[in-house]
Amino acid sequence: MNDLDSQVYKTVRRGYNNEDTIFFLGEKLEKLYQTKEDVPYLLNRGYKIKQASLFVSNHYMLQERQRLVLARAIAKDEDIENRKRKISNKDHLAGSEVYIDGFNAIIPMETMLSASLLIRCMDGTLRDLAGLKGNYRIIDKTEKAIRLILCKLDNLEIRRANIYLDKPVSNSGRLKALILNVAEEYNVDINVELLNAVDKALYGKHNVISGDSVVIDESISWIPLYNMILEDYEKSNKTWVIDFYNERAK
């Protein structure tokens, strides 16, 4: 038996916060959705996201977690359209090579598997509120999160996936080993690298997989893989998603 197969990982609800059941349900969630016009209005007139979200949050008397959602969910029209134009055509991905922002991909999937809060953002990305800030531990949902990602890559007939992990983040080496162990079961050539500057390594690349707005803006093209996985998963499983993407169209 592989040493990794015998590991028992701590049961954790990644990204869960007790306050979320207060601030992101019912009337408080509807109040949050009311900001979907106010914040973009300011962004489209030159305000920075921090300034705009703070101004609107103060007006609506939002709490810290709600403010964080605004800062992550909303973007100005120009950025939304630019990111939309960069989306790779999934019908043309067979045989291609992709570049994955490793922690950025795995953590939202762990959050989804935990039935914790996710944000479907205006620009088509999927983001979370886990906020690990350099401290990462493999949990009971990590392996399944990896499998969801690799399975989707396999279904898309991706030829090779380069997964970049932030070397300074704790347990990055152990995560690399786990990814490579799981990858043996899939028909995708998996390369995992530990880098000091993952974001910069993704700049200028085609078929980038990330939810980081700066990475997407600096890429040539990107794949909204997290949303693809979520769409499949939520058909038969419980998920908790604040949807600013579809709310934008209302």
C-alpha atoms as a PDB file:
ATOM      1  CA  MET A   1       0.000   0.000   0.000  1.00  0.00           C
ATOM      2  CA  ASN A   2       1.229   3.483  -0.847  1.00  0.00           C
ATOM      3  CA  ASP A   3       1.974   5.572   2.272  1.00  0.00           C
ATOM      4  CA  LEU A   4      -0.474   8.182   1.015  1.00  0.00           C
ATOM      5  CA  ASP A   5      -3.262   5.604   0.843  1.00  0.00           C
ATOM      6  CA  SER A   6      -2.981   4.951   4.572  1.00  0.00           C
ATOM      7  CA  GLN A   7      -3.218   8.600   5.621  1.00  0.00           C
ATOM      8  CA  VAL A   8      -6.226   9.609   7.707  1.00  0.00           C
ATOM      9  CA  TYR A   9      -6.983  13.291   7.313  1.00  0.00           C
ATOM     10  CA  LYS A  10      -8.892  15.545   9.658  1.00  0.00           C
ATOM     11  CA  THR A  11     -12.586  16.081   8.903  1.00  0.00           C
ATOM     12  CA  VAL A  12     -12.989  19.774   8.131  1.00  0.00           C
ATOM     13  CA  ARG A  13     -15.677  21.948   6.539  1.00  0.00           C
ATOM     14  CA  ARG A  14     -13.386  24.056   4.399  1.00  0.00           C
ATOM     15  CA  GLY A  15     -14.463  27.699   4.276  1.00  0.00           C
ATOM     16  CA  TYR A  16     -17.327  27.304   6.755  1.00  0.00           C
ATOM     17  CA  ASN A  17     -18.131  30.141   9.147  1.00  0.00           C
ATOM     18  CA  ASN A  18     -21.056  30.151  11.591  1.00  0.00           C
ATOM     19  CA  GLU A  19     -21.806  33.779  10.721  1.00  0.00           C
ATOM     20  CA  ASP A  20     -22.591  32.817   7.118  1.00  0.00           C
ATOM     21  CA  THR A  21     -25.934  31.314   8.122  1.00  0.00           C
ATOM     22  CA  ILE A  22     -26.866  34.741   9.480  1.00  0.00           C
ATOM     23  CA  PHE A  23     -25.534  37.051   6.778  1.00  0.00           C
ATOM     24  CA  PHE A  24     -26.123  35.055   3.574  1.00  0.00           C
ATOM     25  CA  LEU A  25     -29.675  33.766   3.834  1.00  0.00           C
ATOM     26  CA  GLY A  26     -33.127  35.304   3.511  1.00  0.00           C
ATOM     27  CA  GLU A  27     -33.524  39.064   3.779  1.00  0.00           C
ATOM     28  CA  LYS A  28     -29.832  39.665   4.447  1.00  0.00           C
ATOM     29  CA  LEU A  29     -28.900  37.885   1.231  1.00  0.00           C
ATOM     30  CA  GLU A  30     -31.466  39.899  -0.723  1.00  0.00           C
ATOM     31  CA  LYS A  31     -29.991  43.046   0.794  1.00  0.00           C
ATOM     32  CA  LEU A  32     -26.574  41.964  -0.436  1.00  0.00           C
ATOM     33  CA  TYR A  33     -27.928  41.434  -3.950  1.00  0.00           C
ATOM     34  CA  GLN A  34     -29.174  45.027  -3.933  1.00  0.00           C
ATOM     35  CA  THR A  35     -25.547  46.141  -4.182  1.00  0.00           C
ATOM     36  CA  LYS A  36     -25.099  44.539  -7.596  1.00  0.00           C
ATOM     37  CA  GLU A  37     -25.853  47.835  -9.323  1.00  0.00           C
ATOM     38  CA  ASP A  38     -24.285  50.238  -6.835  1.00  0.00           C
ATOM     39  CA  VAL A  39     -20.751  48.834  -6.737  1.00  0.00           C
ATOM     40  CA  PRO A  40     -20.373  48.429 -10.541  1.00  0.00           C
ATOM     41  CA  TYR A  41     -21.688  51.994 -10.965  1.00  0.00           C
ATOM     42  CA  LEU A  42     -18.738  53.275  -8.955  1.00  0.00           C
ATOM     43  CA  LEU A  43     -16.232  50.899 -10.562  1.00  0.00           C
ATOM     44  CA  ASN A  44     -17.289  51.968 -14.041  1.00  0.00           C
ATOM     45  CA  ARG A  45     -16.530  55.561 -13.037  1.00  0.00           C
ATOM     46  CA  GLY A  46     -12.993  54.909 -11.937  1.00  0.00           C
ATOM     47  CA  TYR A  47     -13.295  53.918  -8.283  1.00  0.00           C
ATOM     48  CA  LYS A  48     -11.087  51.068  -7.060  1.00  0.00           C
ATOM     49  CA  ILE A  49     -12.853  47.947  -5.815  1.00  0.00           C
ATOM     50  CA  LYS A  50     -11.737  48.530  -2.211  1.00  0.00           C
ATOM     51  CA  GLN A  51     -13.094  52.082  -2.209  1.00  0.00           C
ATOM     52  CA  ALA A  52     -16.331  51.177  -3.976  1.00  0.00           C
ATOM     53  CA  SER A  53     -17.114  48.120  -1.868  1.00  0.00           C
ATOM     54  CA  LEU A  54     -16.339  49.992   1.361  1.00  0.00           C
ATOM     55  CA  PHE A  55     -18.558  52.937   0.392  1.00  0.00           C
ATOM     56  CA  VAL A  56     -21.497  50.711  -0.541  1.00  0.00           C
ATOM     57  CA  SER A  57     -20.977  48.414   2.448  1.00  0.00           C
ATOM     58  CA  ASN A  58     -21.155  51.369   4.802  1.00  0.00           C
ATOM     59  CA  HIS A  59     -24.318  52.605   3.096  1.00  0.00           C
ATOM     60  CA  TYR A  60     -26.040  49.220   3.472  1.00  0.00           C
ATOM     61  CA  MET A  61     -24.453  48.584   6.896  1.00  0.00           C
ATOM     62  CA  LEU A  62     -22.956  45.282   5.773  1.00  0.00           C
ATOM     63  CA  GLN A  63     -20.802  43.071   7.970  1.00  0.00           C
ATOM     64  CA  GLU A  64     -17.187  42.082   7.263  1.00  0.00           C
ATOM     65  CA  ARG A  65     -17.962  38.759   5.546  1.00  0.00           C
ATOM     66  CA  GLN A  66     -20.553  40.481   3.361  1.00  0.00           C
ATOM     67  CA  ARG A  67     -18.018  43.163   2.421  1.00  0.00           C
ATOM     68  CA  LEU A  68     -15.548  40.475   1.450  1.00  0.00           C
ATOM     69  CA  VAL A  69     -18.132  38.889  -0.848  1.00  0.00           C
ATOM     70  CA  LEU A  70     -18.661  42.220  -2.612  1.00  0.00           C
ATOM     71  CA  ALA A  71     -14.947  42.713  -3.149  1.00  0.00           C
ATOM     72  CA  ARG A  72     -14.640  39.243  -4.687  1.00  0.00           C
ATOM     73  CA  ALA A  73     -17.914  39.010  -6.600  1.00  0.00           C
ATOM     74  CA  ILE A  74     -18.220  42.316  -8.431  1.00  0.00           C
ATOM     75  CA  ALA A  75     -16.183  43.800 -11.280  1.00  0.00           C
ATOM     76  CA  LYS A  76     -16.535  46.687 -13.666  1.00  0.00           C
ATOM     77  CA  ASP A  77     -18.167  46.093 -17.048  1.00  0.00           C
ATOM     78  CA  GLU A  78     -14.937  46.429 -19.016  1.00  0.00           C
ATOM     79  CA  ASP A  79     -13.170  43.751 -16.968  1.00  0.00           C
ATOM     80  CA  ILE A  80     -16.153  41.414 -17.184  1.00  0.00           C
ATOM     81  CA  GLU A  81     -16.283  41.690 -20.961  1.00  0.00           C
ATOM     82  CA  ASN A  82     -12.504  41.271 -21.335  1.00  0.00           C
ATOM     83  CA  ARG A  83     -12.520  38.137 -19.192  1.00  0.00           C
ATOM     84  CA  LYS A  84     -15.503  36.762 -21.073  1.00  0.00           C
ATOM     85  CA  ARG A  85     -13.692  37.209 -24.397  1.00  0.00           C
ATOM     86  CA  LYS A  86     -10.720  35.256 -23.071  1.00  0.00           C
ATOM     87  CA  ILE A  87     -12.674  32.105 -22.223  1.00  0.00           C
ATOM     88  CA  SER A  88     -11.375  29.108 -24.169  1.00  0.00           C
ATOM     89  CA  ASN A  89     -13.851  27.257 -26.339  1.00  0.00           C
ATOM     90  CA  LYS A  90     -14.388  23.982 -24.481  1.00  0.00           C
ATOM     91  CA  ASP A  91     -15.185  22.212 -27.742  1.00  0.00           C
ATOM     92  CA  HIS A  92     -11.597  22.875 -28.881  1.00  0.00           C
ATOM     93  CA  LEU A  93      -9.776  21.730 -25.753  1.00  0.00           C
ATOM     94  CA  ALA A  94      -9.216  18.092 -26.733  1.00  0.00           C
ATOM     95  CA  GLY A  95      -5.498  17.405 -27.004  1.00  0.00           C
ATOM     96  CA  SER A  96      -4.525  20.732 -25.452  1.00  0.00           C
ATOM     97  CA  GLU A  97      -2.240  21.687 -22.575  1.00  0.00           C
ATOM     98  CA  VAL A  98      -3.551  23.605 -19.553  1.00  0.00           C
ATOM     99  CA  TYR A  99      -1.955  25.512 -16.686  1.00  0.00           C
ATOM    100  CA  ILE A 100      -3.573  25.301 -13.255  1.00  0.00           C
ATOM    101  CA  ASP A 101      -3.319  27.610 -10.257  1.00  0.00           C
ATOM    102  CA  GLY A 102      -3.152  24.661  -7.869  1.00  0.00           C
ATOM    103  CA  PHE A 103      -4.283  25.921  -4.455  1.00  0.00           C
ATOM    104  CA  ASN A 104      -6.706  28.298  -6.155  1.00  0.00           C
ATOM    105  CA  ALA A 105      -8.333  25.288  -7.832  1.00  0.00           C
ATOM    106  CA  ILE A 106      -8.361  22.784  -4.985  1.00  0.00           C
ATOM    107  CA  ILE A 107      -9.622  25.032  -2.175  1.00  0.00           C
ATOM    108  CA  PRO A 108     -12.917  26.006  -3.911  1.00  0.00           C
ATOM    109  CA  MET A 109     -13.541  22.325  -4.647  1.00  0.00           C
ATOM    110  CA  GLU A 110     -12.940  21.440  -0.980  1.00  0.00           C
ATOM    111  CA  THR A 111     -15.312  24.263  -0.057  1.00  0.00           C
ATOM    112  CA  MET A 112     -17.964  22.936  -2.434  1.00  0.00           C
ATOM    113  CA  LEU A 113     -17.615  19.417  -0.992  1.00  0.00           C
ATOM    114  CA  SER A 114     -18.015  20.927   2.478  1.00  0.00           C
ATOM    115  CA  ALA A 115     -21.319  22.582   1.461  1.00  0.00           C
ATOM    116  CA  SER A 116     -19.717  25.849   2.558  1.00  0.00           C
ATOM    117  CA  LEU A 117     -20.279  29.208   0.926  1.00  0.00           C
ATOM    118  CA  LEU A 118     -19.155  29.772  -2.668  1.00  0.00           C
ATOM    119  CA  ILE A 119     -19.533  32.865  -4.835  1.00  0.00           C
ATOM    120  CA  ARG A 120     -20.421  32.679  -8.518  1.00  0.00           C
ATOM    121  CA  CYS A 121     -18.962  36.037  -9.506  1.00  0.00           C
ATOM    122  CA  MET A 122     -19.993  38.586 -12.120  1.00  0.00           C
ATOM    123  CA  ASP A 123     -16.965  37.768 -14.282  1.00  0.00           C
ATOM    124  CA  GLY A 124     -17.853  34.071 -14.482  1.00  0.00           C
ATOM    125  CA  THR A 125     -15.340  32.866 -11.892  1.00  0.00           C
ATOM    126  CA  LEU A 126     -16.066  30.801  -8.804  1.00  0.00           C
ATOM    127  CA  ARG A 127     -14.497  32.040  -5.574  1.00  0.00           C
ATOM    128  CA  ASP A 128     -14.589  31.149  -1.881  1.00  0.00           C
ATOM    129  CA  LEU A 129     -14.132  32.786   1.507  1.00  0.00           C
ATOM    130  CA  ALA A 130     -11.749  30.201   2.970  1.00  0.00           C
ATOM    131  CA  GLY A 131      -8.973  32.780   3.455  1.00  0.00           C
ATOM    132  CA  LEU A 132      -6.166  30.357   4.349  1.00  0.00           C
ATOM    133  CA  LYS A 133      -3.365  32.927   3.808  1.00  0.00           C
ATOM    134  CA  GLY A 134      -0.428  30.591   3.413  1.00  0.00           C
ATOM    135  CA  ASN A 135      -1.535  27.985   5.947  1.00  0.00           C
ATOM    136  CA  TYR A 136      -2.889  24.869   4.266  1.00  0.00           C
ATOM    137  CA  ARG A 137      -3.631  21.395   5.581  1.00  0.00           C
ATOM    138  CA  ILE A 138      -4.770  18.396   3.585  1.00  0.00           C
ATOM    139  CA  ILE A 139      -8.236  17.417   4.813  1.00  0.00           C
ATOM    140  CA  ASP A 140     -10.680  14.576   4.303  1.00  0.00           C
ATOM    141  CA  LYS A 141     -12.092  16.276   1.173  1.00  0.00           C
ATOM    142  CA  THR A 142      -8.790  17.044  -0.568  1.00  0.00           C
ATOM    143  CA  GLU A 143      -8.455  13.799  -2.488  1.00  0.00           C
ATOM    144  CA  LYS A 144     -12.024  13.997  -3.776  1.00  0.00           C
ATOM    145  CA  ALA A 145     -11.424  17.621  -4.796  1.00  0.00           C
ATOM    146  CA  ILE A 146      -8.396  16.513  -6.810  1.00  0.00           C
ATOM    147  CA  ARG A 147     -10.426  13.737  -8.406  1.00  0.00           C
ATOM    148  CA  LEU A 148     -13.174  16.161  -9.449  1.00  0.00           C
ATOM    149  CA  ILE A 149     -10.592  18.341 -11.185  1.00  0.00           C
ATOM    150  CA  LEU A 150      -8.762  15.485 -12.889  1.00  0.00           C
ATOM    151  CA  CYS A 151     -12.004  13.804 -13.924  1.00  0.00           C
ATOM    152  CA  LYS A 152     -13.211  16.981 -15.622  1.00  0.00           C
ATOM    153  CA  LEU A 153      -9.852  17.388 -17.379  1.00  0.00           C
ATOM    154  CA  ASP A 154     -10.111  13.775 -18.502  1.00  0.00           C
ATOM    155  CA  ASN A 155     -13.659  14.327 -19.804  1.00  0.00           C
ATOM    156  CA  LEU A 156     -12.456  17.369 -21.749  1.00  0.00           C
ATOM    157  CA  GLU A 157      -9.679  15.168 -23.218  1.00  0.00           C
ATOM    158  CA  ILE A 158      -6.938  17.470 -21.994  1.00  0.00           C
ATOM    159  CA  ARG A 159      -3.556  16.094 -23.045  1.00  0.00           C
ATOM    160  CA  ARG A 160      -1.364  17.629 -20.333  1.00  0.00           C
ATOM    161  CA  ALA A 161      -2.029  19.609 -17.172  1.00  0.00           C
ATOM    162  CA  ASN A 162       0.667  21.663 -15.456  1.00  0.00           C
ATOM    163  CA  ILE A 163      -0.326  22.238 -11.831  1.00  0.00           C
ATOM    164  CA  TYR A 164       1.567  24.988 -10.055  1.00  0.00           C
ATOM    165  CA  LEU A 165       1.606  25.040  -6.247  1.00  0.00           C
ATOM    166  CA  ASP A 166       2.911  27.897  -4.098  1.00  0.00           C
ATOM    167  CA  LYS A 167       6.087  26.526  -2.547  1.00  0.00           C
ATOM    168  CA  PRO A 168       5.974  28.777   0.565  1.00  0.00           C
ATOM    169  CA  VAL A 169       2.480  27.520   1.505  1.00  0.00           C
ATOM    170  CA  SER A 170       2.517  24.874   4.210  1.00  0.00           C
ATOM    171  CA  ASN A 171       2.098  21.241   3.086  1.00  0.00           C
ATOM    172  CA  SER A 172       2.587  22.097  -0.602  1.00  0.00           C
ATOM    173  CA  GLY A 173       5.011  19.170  -0.943  1.00  0.00           C
ATOM    174  CA  ARG A 174       2.548  16.728   0.583  1.00  0.00           C
ATOM    175  CA  LEU A 175      -0.212  18.030  -1.687  1.00  0.00           C
ATOM    176  CA  LYS A 176       2.031  17.551  -4.720  1.00  0.00           C
ATOM    177  CA  ALA A 177       2.631  13.932  -3.724  1.00  0.00           C
ATOM    178  CA  LEU A 178      -1.105  13.337  -3.261  1.00  0.00           C
ATOM    179  CA  ILE A 179      -1.954  14.858  -6.660  1.00  0.00           C
ATOM    180  CA  LEU A 180       0.631  12.694  -8.429  1.00  0.00           C
ATOM    181  CA  ASN A 181      -0.612   9.594  -6.607  1.00  0.00           C
ATOM    182  CA  VAL A 182      -4.226  10.226  -7.629  1.00  0.00           C
ATOM    183  CA  ALA A 183      -3.224  11.241 -11.173  1.00  0.00           C
ATOM    184  CA  GLU A 184      -2.060   7.695 -11.949  1.00  0.00           C
ATOM    185  CA  GLU A 185      -5.725   6.726 -12.415  1.00  0.00           C
ATOM    186  CA  TYR A 186      -6.468   9.311 -15.126  1.00  0.00           C
ATOM    187  CA  ASN A 187      -5.614   9.683 -18.799  1.00  0.00           C
ATOM    188  CA  VAL A 188      -4.075  13.126 -18.427  1.00  0.00           C
ATOM    189  CA  ASP A 189      -0.342  13.739 -18.305  1.00  0.00           C
ATOM    190  CA  ILE A 190       0.055  15.556 -14.977  1.00  0.00           C
ATOM    191  CA  ASN A 191       3.030  17.751 -14.139  1.00  0.00           C
ATOM    192  CA  VAL A 192       3.143  19.321 -10.650  1.00  0.00           C
ATOM    193  CA  GLU A 193       5.634  22.060  -9.787  1.00  0.00           C
ATOM    194  CA  LEU A 194       6.348  23.942  -6.569  1.00  0.00           C
ATOM    195  CA  LEU A 195       7.040  27.581  -7.403  1.00  0.00           C
ATOM    196  CA  ASN A 196       7.764  30.727  -5.438  1.00  0.00           C
ATOM    197  CA  ALA A 197       5.696  32.900  -7.789  1.00  0.00           C
ATOM    198  CA  VAL A 198       2.777  30.907  -9.215  1.00  0.00           C
ATOM    199  CA  ASP A 199       0.876  33.951 -10.464  1.00  0.00           C
ATOM    200  CA  LYS A 200       3.729  35.184 -12.646  1.00  0.00           C
ATOM    201  CA  ALA A 201       4.294  31.686 -14.029  1.00  0.00           C
ATOM    202  CA  LEU A 202       0.704  31.752 -15.325  1.00  0.00           C
ATOM    203  CA  TYR A 203       0.988  35.148 -17.014  1.00  0.00           C
ATOM    204  CA  GLY A 204       0.936  35.006 -20.809  1.00  0.00           C
ATOM    205  CA  LYS A 205      -0.292  31.421 -20.928  1.00  0.00           C
ATOM    206  CA  HIS A 206      -3.138  29.878 -22.921  1.00  0.00           C
ATOM    207  CA  ASN A 207      -5.795  27.772 -21.178  1.00  0.00           C
ATOM    208  CA  VAL A 208      -5.122  28.979 -17.654  1.00  0.00           C
ATOM    209  CA  ILE A 209      -7.313  27.591 -14.878  1.00  0.00           C
ATOM    210  CA  SER A 210      -7.642  30.068 -12.023  1.00  0.00           C
ATOM    211  CA  GLY A 211     -10.187  32.229 -10.227  1.00  0.00           C
ATOM    212  CA  ASP A 212      -7.669  35.000  -9.575  1.00  0.00           C
ATOM    213  CA  SER A 213      -8.706  38.122 -11.488  1.00  0.00           C
ATOM    214  CA  VAL A 214      -5.113  39.332 -11.960  1.00  0.00           C
ATOM    215  CA  VAL A 215      -4.006  35.942 -13.310  1.00  0.00           C
ATOM    216  CA  ILE A 216      -6.961  35.853 -15.712  1.00  0.00           C
ATOM    217  CA  ASP A 217      -6.302  39.412 -16.885  1.00  0.00           C
ATOM    218  CA  GLU A 218      -2.642  38.587 -17.547  1.00  0.00           C
ATOM    219  CA  SER A 219      -3.399  35.310 -19.348  1.00  0.00           C
ATOM    220  CA  ILE A 220      -4.054  34.856 -23.053  1.00  0.00           C
ATOM    221  CA  SER A 221      -7.032  32.584 -22.414  1.00  0.00           C
ATOM    222  CA  TRP A 222      -8.628  30.814 -19.456  1.00  0.00           C
ATOM    223  CA  ILE A 223     -11.023  27.983 -18.678  1.00  0.00           C
ATOM    224  CA  PRO A 224     -13.854  28.412 -16.111  1.00  0.00           C
ATOM    225  CA  LEU A 225     -13.284  24.845 -14.932  1.00  0.00           C
ATOM    226  CA  TYR A 226     -14.549  25.415 -11.388  1.00  0.00           C
ATOM    227  CA  ASN A 227     -17.964  26.447 -12.662  1.00  0.00           C
ATOM    228  CA  MET A 228     -18.059  23.464 -15.011  1.00  0.00           C
ATOM    229  CA  ILE A 229     -17.440  21.147 -12.063  1.00  0.00           C
ATOM    230  CA  LEU A 230     -19.970  22.972  -9.883  1.00  0.00           C
ATOM    231  CA  GLU A 231     -22.676  22.725 -12.564  1.00  0.00           C
ATOM    232  CA  ASP A 232     -22.234  18.956 -12.684  1.00  0.00           C
ATOM    233  CA  TYR A 233     -21.927  18.500  -8.932  1.00  0.00           C
ATOM    234  CA  GLU A 234     -24.924  20.588  -7.876  1.00  0.00           C
ATOM    235  CA  LYS A 235     -27.303  18.521  -9.999  1.00  0.00           C
ATOM    236  CA  SER A 236     -27.251  15.790  -7.365  1.00  0.00           C
ATOM    237  CA  ASN A 237     -25.575  17.304  -4.313  1.00  0.00           C
ATOM    238  CA  LYS A 238     -26.201  20.060  -1.814  1.00  0.00           C
ATOM    239  CA  THR A 239     -24.283  23.257  -2.520  1.00  0.00           C
ATOM    240  CA  TRP A 240     -24.359  26.778  -1.116  1.00  0.00           C
ATOM    241  CA  VAL A 241     -23.757  29.406  -3.764  1.00  0.00           C
ATOM    242  CA  ILE A 242     -24.266  33.153  -3.796  1.00  0.00           C
ATOM    243  CA  ASP A 243     -24.918  33.825  -7.465  1.00  0.00           C
ATOM    244  CA  PHE A 244     -23.932  37.286  -8.651  1.00  0.00           C
ATOM    245  CA  TYR A 245     -23.367  35.968 -12.187  1.00  0.00           C
ATOM    246  CA  ASN A 246     -26.999  35.136 -12.927  1.00  0.00           C
ATOM    247  CA  GLU A 247     -28.267  37.958 -10.717  1.00  0.00           C
ATOM    248  CA  ARG A 248     -26.403  40.332 -13.030  1.00  0.00           C
ATOM    249  CA  ALA A 249     -28.685  39.348 -15.891  1.00  0.00           C
ATOM    250  CA  LYS A 250     -31.883  40.129 -13.974  1.00  0.00           C
END
